[in-house]
């Protein structure tokens, strides 16, 4: 499929379709998604659908596993010389 044949809404439609499919098939494989959704898109759109699934899964995994922002007095930066405002100099374990 050539880029100029791509319609402006195709990518948005692919994102919505993949998100809905993933919600209904949380353990589904890429091949299962392609089988289920490919008929609704241009015949050469398979790689795009696969990429959309990868991005969706990556972003969803970040939502599940994301740690709170490391800020505040407990945060120790690599740039603060090993000292935290709360704990003082880093202690070496022996």
Protein backbone atom coordinates (compact mmCIF):
# COMPACT_ATOMS: atom_id res chain seq x y z
CA UNK A 1 0.00 0.00 0.00
CA UNK A 2 1.41 3.36 -0.93
CA UNK A 3 1.35 6.16 1.60
CA UNK A 4 -0.82 8.35 -0.63
CA UNK A 5 -3.50 5.63 -0.64
CA UNK A 6 -3.75 5.82 3.14
CA UNK A 7 -6.80 7.75 4.25
CA UNK A 8 -6.41 10.20 7.16
CA UNK A 9 -8.75 8.24 9.43
CA UNK A 10 -7.28 4.79 8.76
CA UNK A 11 -4.69 4.95 11.54
CA UNK A 12 -7.22 6.24 14.08
CA UNK A 13 -9.63 3.50 13.03
CA UNK A 14 -6.84 0.91 13.40
CA UNK A 15 -5.98 2.17 16.90
CA UNK A 16 -9.61 1.97 17.99
CA UNK A 17 -10.11 -1.49 16.48
CA UNK A 18 -6.92 -2.88 18.04
CA UNK A 19 -7.75 -1.39 21.46
CA UNK A 20 -11.24 -2.92 21.35
CA UNK A 21 -9.87 -6.28 20.18
CA UNK A 22 -7.21 -6.31 22.94
CA UNK A 23 -9.82 -5.50 25.58
CA UNK A 24 -11.85 -8.51 24.44
CA UNK A 25 -8.76 -10.74 23.95
CA UNK A 26 -6.21 -9.86 26.65
CA UNK A 27 -4.10 -12.96 25.94
CA UNK A 28 -4.61 -12.94 22.17
CA UNK A 29 -1.65 -13.20 19.80
CA UNK A 30 -0.66 -10.89 16.98
CA UNK A 31 -1.73 -13.52 14.45
CA UNK A 32 -5.15 -13.84 16.07
CA UNK A 33 -5.58 -10.06 15.95
CA UNK A 34 -4.59 -9.96 12.28
CA UNK A 35 -7.05 -12.75 11.47
CA UNK A 36 -9.83 -10.91 13.27
CA UNK A 37 -9.18 -7.39 11.99
CA UNK A 38 -7.41 -7.57 8.61
CA UNK A 39 -10.60 -7.93 6.57
CA UNK A 40 -11.68 -4.43 7.64
CA UNK A 41 -8.51 -2.77 6.30
CA UNK A 42 -6.48 -2.54 3.10
CA UNK A 43 -4.82 -5.87 2.31
CA UNK A 44 -1.36 -4.39 2.92
CA UNK A 45 -2.26 -2.91 6.31
CA UNK A 46 -1.16 -5.97 8.33
CA UNK A 47 2.22 -4.54 9.39
CA UNK A 48 0.50 -1.35 10.52
CA UNK A 49 -2.01 -3.31 12.60
CA UNK A 50 0.85 -5.31 14.13
CA UNK A 51 2.69 -2.11 15.02
CA UNK A 52 -0.45 -0.58 16.50
CA UNK A 53 -0.87 -3.69 18.68
CA UNK A 54 2.75 -3.47 19.85
CA UNK A 55 2.39 0.20 20.77
CA UNK A 56 -0.93 -0.43 22.50
CA UNK A 57 0.52 -3.28 24.57
CA UNK A 58 3.63 -1.25 25.45
CA UNK A 59 1.58 1.74 26.55
CA UNK A 60 -0.85 -0.42 28.51
CA UNK A 61 2.03 -2.21 30.26
CA UNK A 62 3.40 1.19 31.34
CA UNK A 63 0.04 2.07 32.85
CA UNK A 64 0.06 -1.13 34.88
CA UNK A 65 3.71 -1.16 35.96
CA UNK A 66 4.55 2.54 36.11
CA UNK A 67 6.09 3.66 39.36
CA UNK A 68 5.08 6.98 40.88
CA UNK A 69 7.34 9.82 39.87
CA UNK A 70 10.54 9.71 41.90
CA UNK A 71 10.33 13.08 43.59
CA UNK A 72 10.29 14.41 47.09
CA UNK A 73 12.66 14.03 50.02
CA UNK A 74 13.06 10.25 49.59
CA UNK A 75 14.30 10.54 46.01
CA UNK A 76 18.03 10.09 45.60
CA UNK A 77 19.43 11.43 42.37
CA UNK A 78 22.62 10.21 40.76
CA UNK A 79 23.53 13.90 40.53
CA UNK A 80 23.40 14.66 44.26
CA UNK A 81 26.69 12.98 45.10
CA UNK A 82 25.07 9.98 46.74
CA UNK A 83 23.28 12.09 49.36
CA UNK A 84 19.60 12.33 49.99
CA UNK A 85 18.01 15.22 51.84
CA UNK A 86 16.45 12.76 54.27
CA UNK A 87 19.15 10.16 54.86
CA UNK A 88 22.43 12.04 54.44
CA UNK A 89 25.51 10.42 52.89
CA UNK A 90 25.10 7.03 51.27
CA UNK A 91 26.20 4.24 53.59
CA UNK A 92 28.43 1.51 52.27
CA UNK A 93 27.22 -1.96 53.19
CA UNK A 94 29.83 -4.31 54.62
